[in-house]
Amino acid sequence: MHIEPIPAFADNYIWVLHQPQDSRVVVVDPGDARPVLDFLAVRRLELAAILITHHHRDHIGGVAALQSAWPRAEVLAPEDPRIPGATRRLGEGERFRLPGLEFDLQVLAVPGHTSSHIAYLRVDADQPALFCGDTLFSVGCGRVFDGTPEQLAASLRRIAALAPETLCYCAHEYTLENLGFARWVEPENPALAERATEAERLRAAQQPTVPSSLAVELKTNPFLRVDQPGVIAAAERAAGHQLNGPTEVFAALRRWKDEDYD
């Protein structure tokens, strides 16, 4: 399977999934229709389906125009009235296969960034892949909007328990920015220095820094490392008091990044 990013806006990625020798494609979170339509026209491909992770405008803004251009395309989305145009609503644990793809996708409920956020996990494959929207970023995670810190902490624990070889296809190019915060939290972490060197090389070549493997995230992402002594100590210094358990550590880290870094 080919998975390619279509850049959109300042830092979004719209992911395109397609099998070689098949003209049908699936796109994930098309916040803007124009770059998708241009991609399809240049490649002479047809849109079979759209996958939506959550309701924010930079993830759904292109759906109506794509439906107009490709009226037979399915639109799969979470149960959320803030996402118009869905032809099928999805919930936790559902498993399905889309036209043009030779593998199944499974829905994971990962609320926190928003209350209805879902992710799509490629299963029955040698290379698992997770299309995680704004729940998990490379070396970071999404802000808490209409979800809760407790929800997002639980969602990240769930992702952390997936196979370490899972490739995480997030929706934004935030790696370098997130590395800055992560190095505040763990300045002595050698994996962060390695990740920074690699990310800088990729961006200098105008290449995406994502997907990243879950194995790399577990070594570098402070929001997945809330059980590590160094991360706990940093979070407690930022909070100004002792923290009780991973969820409180996560909430303190997220607050620290929101208030002092972003």
C-alpha atoms as a PDB file:
ATOM      1  CA  MET A   1       0.000   0.000   0.000  1.00  0.00           C
ATOM      2  CA  HIS A   2       1.096   3.536  -0.709  1.00  0.00           C
ATOM      3  CA  ILE A   3       0.472   6.185   1.950  1.00  0.00           C
ATOM      4  CA  GLU A   4       1.289   9.724   0.873  1.00  0.00           C
ATOM      5  CA  PRO A   5       0.831  13.120   2.511  1.00  0.00           C
ATOM      6  CA  ILE A   6      -0.858  16.028   0.780  1.00  0.00           C
ATOM      7  CA  PRO A   7       0.269  19.256   2.487  1.00  0.00           C
ATOM      8  CA  ALA A   8      -2.541  21.683   3.347  1.00  0.00           C
ATOM      9  CA  PHE A   9      -2.706  25.067   5.084  1.00  0.00           C
ATOM     10  CA  ALA A  10       0.445  25.939   7.035  1.00  0.00           C
ATOM     11  CA  ASP A  11       1.173  22.553   8.611  1.00  0.00           C
ATOM     12  CA  ASN A  12      -1.616  20.013   7.963  1.00  0.00           C
ATOM     13  CA  TYR A  13      -1.185  16.682   6.247  1.00  0.00           C
ATOM     14  CA  ILE A  14      -4.061  14.990   4.415  1.00  0.00           C
ATOM     15  CA  TRP A  15      -3.116  11.331   4.138  1.00  0.00           C
ATOM     16  CA  VAL A  16      -3.858   9.404   0.927  1.00  0.00           C
ATOM     17  CA  LEU A  17      -4.099   5.612   0.966  1.00  0.00           C
ATOM     18  CA  HIS A  18      -4.050   3.593  -2.241  1.00  0.00           C
ATOM     19  CA  GLN A  19      -2.951   0.246  -3.593  1.00  0.00           C
ATOM     20  CA  PRO A  20      -0.606   0.061  -6.589  1.00  0.00           C
ATOM     21  CA  GLN A  21      -2.428  -0.673  -9.819  1.00  0.00           C
ATOM     22  CA  ASP A  22      -5.758   0.515  -8.374  1.00  0.00           C
ATOM     23  CA  SER A  23      -7.172   3.921  -9.265  1.00  0.00           C
ATOM     24  CA  ARG A  24      -9.315   4.216  -6.130  1.00  0.00           C
ATOM     25  CA  VAL A  25      -7.983   6.107  -3.114  1.00  0.00           C
ATOM     26  CA  VAL A  26      -8.999   6.937   0.436  1.00  0.00           C
ATOM     27  CA  VAL A  27      -8.143  10.264   2.083  1.00  0.00           C
ATOM     28  CA  VAL A  28      -7.955  11.092   5.786  1.00  0.00           C
ATOM     29  CA  ASP A  29      -9.097  14.431   7.255  1.00  0.00           C
ATOM     30  CA  PRO A  30      -9.343  16.632   4.144  1.00  0.00           C
ATOM     31  CA  GLY A  31      -9.544  20.094   5.653  1.00  0.00           C
ATOM     32  CA  ASP A  32      -9.132  21.612   2.184  1.00  0.00           C
ATOM     33  CA  ALA A  33     -10.540  20.141  -1.018  1.00  0.00           C
ATOM     34  CA  ARG A  34      -8.327  21.898  -3.561  1.00  0.00           C
ATOM     35  CA  PRO A  35      -5.032  20.092  -2.897  1.00  0.00           C
ATOM     36  CA  VAL A  36      -6.879  16.759  -2.886  1.00  0.00           C
ATOM     37  CA  LEU A  37      -8.642  17.498  -6.171  1.00  0.00           C
ATOM     38  CA  ASP A  38      -5.342  18.564  -7.724  1.00  0.00           C
ATOM     39  CA  PHE A  39      -3.618  15.400  -6.478  1.00  0.00           C
ATOM     40  CA  LEU A  40      -6.356  13.188  -7.902  1.00  0.00           C
ATOM     41  CA  ALA A  41      -6.332  14.979 -11.249  1.00  0.00           C
ATOM     42  CA  VAL A  42      -2.558  14.808 -11.695  1.00  0.00           C
ATOM     43  CA  ARG A  43      -2.426  11.125 -10.735  1.00  0.00           C
ATOM     44  CA  ARG A  44      -5.640  10.239 -12.598  1.00  0.00           C
ATOM     45  CA  LEU A  45      -7.098   8.687  -9.488  1.00  0.00           C
ATOM     46  CA  GLU A  46     -10.651   8.529  -8.153  1.00  0.00           C
ATOM     47  CA  LEU A  47     -11.875   9.192  -4.640  1.00  0.00           C
ATOM     48  CA  ALA A  48     -13.477   6.132  -3.045  1.00  0.00           C
ATOM     49  CA  ALA A  49     -13.807   7.243   0.577  1.00  0.00           C
ATOM     50  CA  ILE A  50     -13.017   9.896   3.165  1.00  0.00           C
ATOM     51  CA  LEU A  51     -12.062   9.081   6.756  1.00  0.00           C
ATOM     52  CA  ILE A  52     -12.671  11.731   9.425  1.00  0.00           C
ATOM     53  CA  THR A  53     -11.104  11.633  12.893  1.00  0.00           C
ATOM     54  CA  HIS A  54     -12.795  14.660  14.494  1.00  0.00           C
ATOM     55  CA  HIS A  55     -14.868  17.747  13.831  1.00  0.00           C
ATOM     56  CA  HIS A  56     -12.330  20.576  13.660  1.00  0.00           C
ATOM     57  CA  ARG A  57     -12.554  22.685  10.535  1.00  0.00           C
ATOM     58  CA  ASP A  58      -9.012  21.990   9.359  1.00  0.00           C
ATOM     59  CA  HIS A  59      -9.989  18.303   9.191  1.00  0.00           C
ATOM     60  CA  ILE A  60     -13.449  18.480   7.604  1.00  0.00           C
ATOM     61  CA  GLY A  61     -13.481  21.740   5.645  1.00  0.00           C
ATOM     62  CA  GLY A  62     -12.981  20.076   2.262  1.00  0.00           C
ATOM     63  CA  VAL A  63     -15.559  17.312   2.638  1.00  0.00           C
ATOM     64  CA  ALA A  64     -18.509  19.077   0.980  1.00  0.00           C
ATOM     65  CA  ALA A  65     -16.530  20.061  -2.119  1.00  0.00           C
ATOM     66  CA  LEU A  66     -15.066  16.563  -2.423  1.00  0.00           C
ATOM     67  CA  GLN A  67     -18.532  15.041  -2.120  1.00  0.00           C
ATOM     68  CA  SER A  68     -19.713  17.366  -4.858  1.00  0.00           C
ATOM     69  CA  ALA A  69     -16.880  16.275  -7.150  1.00  0.00           C
ATOM     70  CA  TRP A  70     -17.092  12.588  -6.165  1.00  0.00           C
ATOM     71  CA  PRO A  71     -20.714  11.935  -5.091  1.00  0.00           C
ATOM     72  CA  ARG A  72     -20.198   8.177  -4.767  1.00  0.00           C
ATOM     73  CA  ALA A  73     -17.414   8.532  -2.228  1.00  0.00           C
ATOM     74  CA  GLU A  74     -18.222   7.275   1.255  1.00  0.00           C
ATOM     75  CA  VAL A  75     -17.636   9.614   4.200  1.00  0.00           C
ATOM     76  CA  LEU A  76     -16.904   7.770   7.446  1.00  0.00           C
ATOM     77  CA  ALA A  77     -16.870   9.773  10.670  1.00  0.00           C
ATOM     78  CA  PRO A  78     -17.453   9.501  14.405  1.00  0.00           C
ATOM     79  CA  GLU A  79     -20.886   9.943  15.944  1.00  0.00           C
ATOM     80  CA  ASP A  80     -20.863  13.722  16.177  1.00  0.00           C
ATOM     81  CA  PRO A  81     -23.460  16.152  14.781  1.00  0.00           C
ATOM     82  CA  ARG A  82     -20.702  18.713  14.253  1.00  0.00           C
ATOM     83  CA  ILE A  83     -19.497  16.616  11.290  1.00  0.00           C
ATOM     84  CA  PRO A  84     -21.989  17.053   8.433  1.00  0.00           C
ATOM     85  CA  GLY A  85     -22.152  14.900   5.338  1.00  0.00           C
ATOM     86  CA  ALA A  86     -21.157  11.561   6.838  1.00  0.00           C
ATOM     87  CA  THR A  87     -22.568   8.551   5.019  1.00  0.00           C
ATOM     88  CA  ARG A  88     -21.559   6.193   7.826  1.00  0.00           C
ATOM     89  CA  ARG A  89     -21.019   6.820  11.536  1.00  0.00           C
ATOM     90  CA  LEU A  90     -18.408   4.755  13.336  1.00  0.00           C
ATOM     91  CA  GLY A  91     -17.729   3.771  16.914  1.00  0.00           C
ATOM     92  CA  GLU A  92     -15.254   1.909  19.072  1.00  0.00           C
ATOM     93  CA  GLY A  93     -14.141  -1.479  17.790  1.00  0.00           C
ATOM     94  CA  GLU A  94     -15.824  -1.393  14.387  1.00  0.00           C
ATOM     95  CA  ARG A  95     -13.795  -3.087  11.682  1.00  0.00           C
ATOM     96  CA  PHE A  96     -14.264  -2.518   7.980  1.00  0.00           C
ATOM     97  CA  ARG A  97     -12.627  -2.607   4.557  1.00  0.00           C
ATOM     98  CA  LEU A  98     -12.910   0.143   1.977  1.00  0.00           C
ATOM     99  CA  PRO A  99     -12.980  -0.016  -1.845  1.00  0.00           C
ATOM    100  CA  GLY A 100      -9.494  -0.034  -3.291  1.00  0.00           C
ATOM    101  CA  LEU A 101      -7.794  -1.249  -0.105  1.00  0.00           C
ATOM    102  CA  GLU A 102      -6.675  -4.807   0.601  1.00  0.00           C
ATOM    103  CA  PHE A 103      -6.705  -4.616   4.393  1.00  0.00           C
ATOM    104  CA  ASP A 104      -9.060  -3.887   7.251  1.00  0.00           C
ATOM    105  CA  LEU A 105      -9.256  -0.770   9.378  1.00  0.00           C
ATOM    106  CA  GLN A 106     -10.382  -0.805  12.991  1.00  0.00           C
ATOM    107  CA  VAL A 107     -11.846   2.145  14.878  1.00  0.00           C
ATOM    108  CA  LEU A 108     -10.277   3.196  18.173  1.00  0.00           C
ATOM    109  CA  ALA A 109     -12.115   5.691  20.346  1.00  0.00           C
ATOM    110  CA  VAL A 110      -9.427   8.165  21.483  1.00  0.00           C
ATOM    111  CA  PRO A 111     -11.264  11.127  23.067  1.00  0.00           C
ATOM    112  CA  GLY A 112      -9.550  14.000  24.808  1.00  0.00           C
ATOM    113  CA  HIS A 113      -8.532  16.477  22.114  1.00  0.00           C
ATOM    114  CA  THR A 114     -12.248  16.407  21.323  1.00  0.00           C
ATOM    115  CA  SER A 115     -14.966  14.387  23.006  1.00  0.00           C
ATOM    116  CA  SER A 116     -15.684  12.229  19.934  1.00  0.00           C
ATOM    117  CA  HIS A 117     -12.211  11.817  18.408  1.00  0.00           C
ATOM    118  CA  ILE A 118     -11.494   8.451  16.788  1.00  0.00           C
ATOM    119  CA  ALA A 119      -8.443   6.914  15.135  1.00  0.00           C
ATOM    120  CA  TYR A 120      -8.123   4.312  12.408  1.00  0.00           C
ATOM    121  CA  LEU A 121      -5.786   1.349  12.891  1.00  0.00           C
ATOM    122  CA  ARG A 122      -4.605  -0.729   9.955  1.00  0.00           C
ATOM    123  CA  VAL A 123      -4.828  -4.329  11.061  1.00  0.00           C
ATOM    124  CA  ASP A 124      -4.003  -7.750   9.528  1.00  0.00           C
ATOM    125  CA  ALA A 125      -0.792  -6.320   8.060  1.00  0.00           C
ATOM    126  CA  ASP A 126       2.947  -6.761   8.553  1.00  0.00           C
ATOM    127  CA  GLN A 127       3.224  -3.002   9.006  1.00  0.00           C
ATOM    128  CA  PRO A 128       0.504  -1.679  11.314  1.00  0.00           C
ATOM    129  CA  ALA A 129      -0.437   1.947  10.820  1.00  0.00           C
ATOM    130  CA  LEU A 130      -2.445   4.355  12.947  1.00  0.00           C
ATOM    131  CA  PHE A 131      -4.177   7.426  11.545  1.00  0.00           C
ATOM    132  CA  CYS A 132      -4.466   9.334  14.776  1.00  0.00           C
ATOM    133  CA  GLY A 133      -5.599  12.824  13.763  1.00  0.00           C
ATOM    134  CA  ASP A 134      -4.722  15.279  16.535  1.00  0.00           C
ATOM    135  CA  THR A 135      -4.624  12.837  19.470  1.00  0.00           C
ATOM    136  CA  LEU A 136      -0.954  11.917  19.119  1.00  0.00           C
ATOM    137  CA  PHE A 137       1.665  14.052  17.382  1.00  0.00           C
ATOM    138  CA  SER A 138       5.288  13.300  16.724  1.00  0.00           C
ATOM    139  CA  VAL A 139       6.925  14.049  20.102  1.00  0.00           C
ATOM    140  CA  GLY A 140       3.671  15.585  21.363  1.00  0.00           C
ATOM    141  CA  CYS A 141      -0.092  15.400  21.597  1.00  0.00           C
ATOM    142  CA  GLY A 142      -3.112  17.563  20.883  1.00  0.00           C
ATOM    143  CA  ARG A 143      -4.489  20.227  23.159  1.00  0.00           C
ATOM    144  CA  VAL A 144      -7.571  19.458  25.214  1.00  0.00           C
ATOM    145  CA  PHE A 145     -10.596  21.202  23.709  1.00  0.00           C
ATOM    146  CA  ASP A 146     -14.012  19.718  24.496  1.00  0.00           C
ATOM    147  CA  GLY A 147     -12.597  16.506  25.905  1.00  0.00           C
ATOM    148  CA  THR A 148     -10.842  16.199  29.262  1.00  0.00           C
ATOM    149  CA  PRO A 149      -7.216  15.667  30.336  1.00  0.00           C
ATOM    150  CA  GLU A 150      -8.248  12.355  31.876  1.00  0.00           C
ATOM    151  CA  GLN A 151      -9.690  11.210  28.543  1.00  0.00           C
ATOM    152  CA  LEU A 152      -6.630  12.245  26.570  1.00  0.00           C
ATOM    153  CA  ALA A 153      -4.262  10.605  29.064  1.00  0.00           C
ATOM    154  CA  ALA A 154      -6.231   7.359  28.766  1.00  0.00           C
ATOM    155  CA  SER A 155      -6.269   7.585  24.964  1.00  0.00           C
ATOM    156  CA  LEU A 156      -2.503   8.023  24.861  1.00  0.00           C
ATOM    157  CA  ARG A 157      -2.019   5.052  27.177  1.00  0.00           C
ATOM    158  CA  ARG A 158      -4.122   3.027  24.799  1.00  0.00           C
ATOM    159  CA  ILE A 159      -2.011   4.064  21.818  1.00  0.00           C
ATOM    160  CA  ALA A 160       1.191   3.387  23.774  1.00  0.00           C
ATOM    161  CA  ALA A 161       0.063  -0.225  24.229  1.00  0.00           C
ATOM    162  CA  LEU A 162      -0.062  -0.895  20.477  1.00  0.00           C
ATOM    163  CA  ALA A 163       2.700  -2.787  18.703  1.00  0.00           C
ATOM    164  CA  PRO A 164       5.913  -0.709  18.836  1.00  0.00           C
ATOM    165  CA  GLU A 165       6.391  -1.042  15.075  1.00  0.00           C
ATOM    166  CA  THR A 166       3.108   0.801  14.450  1.00  0.00           C
ATOM    167  CA  LEU A 167       3.604   3.842  12.234  1.00  0.00           C
ATOM    168  CA  CYS A 168       1.723   6.868  13.555  1.00  0.00           C
ATOM    169  CA  TYR A 169       0.302   9.132  10.859  1.00  0.00           C
ATOM    170  CA  CYS A 170      -0.650  12.331  12.647  1.00  0.00           C
ATOM    171  CA  ALA A 171      -2.253  15.297  10.911  1.00  0.00           C
ATOM    172  CA  HIS A 172       0.280  18.088  11.521  1.00  0.00           C
ATOM    173  CA  GLU A 173       3.945  18.910  10.992  1.00  0.00           C
ATOM    174  CA  TYR A 174       4.773  19.847  14.580  1.00  0.00           C
ATOM    175  CA  THR A 175       7.876  17.753  15.246  1.00  0.00           C
ATOM    176  CA  LEU A 176      10.486  20.488  15.567  1.00  0.00           C
ATOM    177  CA  GLU A 177       8.241  22.618  17.763  1.00  0.00           C
ATOM    178  CA  ASN A 178       7.390  19.634  19.952  1.00  0.00           C
ATOM    179  CA  LEU A 179      11.047  18.684  20.272  1.00  0.00           C
ATOM    180  CA  GLY A 180      11.714  22.055  21.856  1.00  0.00           C
ATOM    181  CA  PHE A 181       9.281  21.332  24.672  1.00  0.00           C
ATOM    182  CA  ALA A 182      10.354  17.702  25.032  1.00  0.00           C
ATOM    183  CA  ARG A 183      13.954  18.816  25.539  1.00  0.00           C
ATOM    184  CA  TRP A 184      12.814  21.144  28.314  1.00  0.00           C
ATOM    185  CA  VAL A 185      11.243  18.138  30.006  1.00  0.00           C
ATOM    186  CA  GLU A 186      14.114  15.680  29.403  1.00  0.00           C
ATOM    187  CA  PRO A 187      17.239  17.672  28.484  1.00  0.00           C
ATOM    188  CA  GLU A 188      19.498  14.657  29.013  1.00  0.00           C
ATOM    189  CA  ASN A 189      17.499  12.229  26.850  1.00  0.00           C
ATOM    190  CA  PRO A 190      19.854  11.137  24.021  1.00  0.00           C
ATOM    191  CA  ALA A 191      16.960   9.863  21.908  1.00  0.00           C
ATOM    192  CA  LEU A 192      15.660  13.433  21.691  1.00  0.00           C
ATOM    193  CA  ALA A 193      18.966  14.697  20.330  1.00  0.00           C
ATOM    194  CA  GLU A 194      18.901  11.956  17.685  1.00  0.00           C
ATOM    195  CA  ARG A 195      15.301  12.752  16.779  1.00  0.00           C
ATOM    196  CA  ALA A 196      16.090  16.464  16.503  1.00  0.00           C
ATOM    197  CA  THR A 197      19.003  15.821  14.129  1.00  0.00           C
ATOM    198  CA  GLU A 198      16.838  13.606  11.931  1.00  0.00           C
ATOM    199  CA  ALA A 199      13.880  16.017  11.951  1.00  0.00           C
ATOM    200  CA  GLU A 200      16.075  18.984  11.053  1.00  0.00           C
ATOM    201  CA  ARG A 201      17.572  17.029   8.158  1.00  0.00           C
ATOM    202  CA  LEU A 202      14.140  16.086   6.836  1.00  0.00           C
ATOM    203  CA  ARG A 203      12.728  19.599   7.099  1.00  0.00           C
ATOM    204  CA  ALA A 204      15.811  21.079   5.430  1.00  0.00           C
ATOM    205  CA  ALA A 205      15.072  18.731   2.534  1.00  0.00           C
ATOM    206  CA  GLN A 206      11.392  19.789   2.651  1.00  0.00           C
ATOM    207  CA  GLN A 207      10.384  16.276   3.649  1.00  0.00           C
ATOM    208  CA  PRO A 208       7.775  15.323   6.292  1.00  0.00           C
ATOM    209  CA  THR A 209       9.004  14.195   9.695  1.00  0.00           C
ATOM    210  CA  VAL A 210       6.024  11.862   9.978  1.00  0.00           C
ATOM    211  CA  PRO A 211       4.996   9.125  10.211  1.00  0.00           C
ATOM    212  CA  SER A 212       7.027   8.164  13.236  1.00  0.00           C
ATOM    213  CA  SER A 213       7.091   4.715  14.751  1.00  0.00           C
ATOM    214  CA  LEU A 214       5.503   4.141  18.113  1.00  0.00           C
ATOM    215  CA  ALA A 215       8.856   2.763  19.259  1.00  0.00           C
ATOM    216  CA  VAL A 216      10.436   6.171  18.598  1.00  0.00           C
ATOM    217  CA  GLU A 217       7.550   7.965  20.315  1.00  0.00           C
ATOM    218  CA  LEU A 218       7.948   5.824  23.416  1.00  0.00           C
ATOM    219  CA  LYS A 219      11.585   6.964  23.630  1.00  0.00           C
ATOM    220  CA  THR A 220      10.995  10.661  22.907  1.00  0.00           C
ATOM    221  CA  ASN A 221       7.410  11.776  23.504  1.00  0.00           C
ATOM    222  CA  PRO A 222       7.006  13.148  27.050  1.00  0.00           C
ATOM    223  CA  PHE A 223       3.237  12.602  26.942  1.00  0.00           C
ATOM    224  CA  LEU A 224       3.847   8.859  26.477  1.00  0.00           C
ATOM    225  CA  ARG A 225       6.601   8.825  29.118  1.00  0.00           C
ATOM    226  CA  VAL A 226       4.601   9.969  32.136  1.00  0.00           C
ATOM    227  CA  ASP A 227       5.820   6.956  34.144  1.00  0.00           C
ATOM    228  CA  GLN A 228       9.503   7.875  33.726  1.00  0.00           C
ATOM    229  CA  PRO A 229      11.255   9.382  36.768  1.00  0.00           C
ATOM    230  CA  GLY A 230      12.784  12.278  34.844  1.00  0.00           C
ATOM    231  CA  VAL A 231       9.445  13.243  33.286  1.00  0.00           C
ATOM    232  CA  ILE A 232       7.665  12.973  36.635  1.00  0.00           C
ATOM    233  CA  ALA A 233      10.286  15.183  38.298  1.00  0.00           C
ATOM    234  CA  ALA A 234      10.040  17.813  35.547  1.00  0.00           C
ATOM    235  CA  ALA A 235       6.246  17.837  35.695  1.00  0.00           C
ATOM    236  CA  GLU A 236       6.319  18.215  39.487  1.00  0.00           C
ATOM    237  CA  ARG A 237       8.748  21.137  39.224  1.00  0.00           C
ATOM    238  CA  ALA A 238       6.431  22.815  36.712  1.00  0.00           C
ATOM    239  CA  ALA A 239       3.342  22.127  38.835  1.00  0.00           C
ATOM    240  CA  GLY A 240       5.028  23.158  42.079  1.00  0.00           C
ATOM    241  CA  HIS A 241       3.813  20.150  44.008  1.00  0.00           C
ATOM    242  CA  GLN A 242       3.854  16.361  44.101  1.00  0.00           C
ATOM    243  CA  LEU A 243       1.743  14.584  41.509  1.00  0.00           C
ATOM    244  CA  ASN A 244      -0.213  11.409  42.118  1.00  0.00           C
ATOM    245  CA  GLY A 245       0.005   9.038  39.199  1.00  0.00           C
ATOM    246  CA  PRO A 246       0.404   9.197  35.404  1.00  0.00           C
ATOM    247  CA  THR A 247      -2.811  11.097  34.734  1.00  0.00           C
ATOM    248  CA  GLU A 248      -1.796  13.971  36.986  1.00  0.00           C
ATOM    249  CA  VAL A 249       1.660  13.979  35.420  1.00  0.00           C
ATOM    250  CA  PHE A 250       0.102  14.140  31.977  1.00  0.00           C
ATOM    251  CA  ALA A 251      -2.230  16.990  32.961  1.00  0.00           C
ATOM    252  CA  ALA A 252       0.684  18.948  34.444  1.00  0.00           C
ATOM    253  CA  LEU A 253       2.762  18.486  31.291  1.00  0.00           C
ATOM    254  CA  ARG A 254      -0.106  19.540  29.056  1.00  0.00           C
ATOM    255  CA  ARG A 255      -0.773  22.627  31.197  1.00  0.00           C
ATOM    256  CA  TRP A 256       2.926  23.489  31.199  1.00  0.00           C
ATOM    257  CA  LYS A 257       3.117  23.300  27.417  1.00  0.00           C
ATOM    258  CA  ASP A 258      -0.121  25.265  26.962  1.00  0.00           C
ATOM    259  CA  GLU A 259       0.870  28.079  29.316  1.00  0.00           C
ATOM    260  CA  ASP A 260       4.629  28.412  28.987  1.00  0.00           C
ATOM    261  CA  TYR A 261       5.609  27.037  25.583  1.00  0.00           C
ATOM    262  CA  ASP A 262       2.864  27.219  22.954  1.00  0.00           C
END
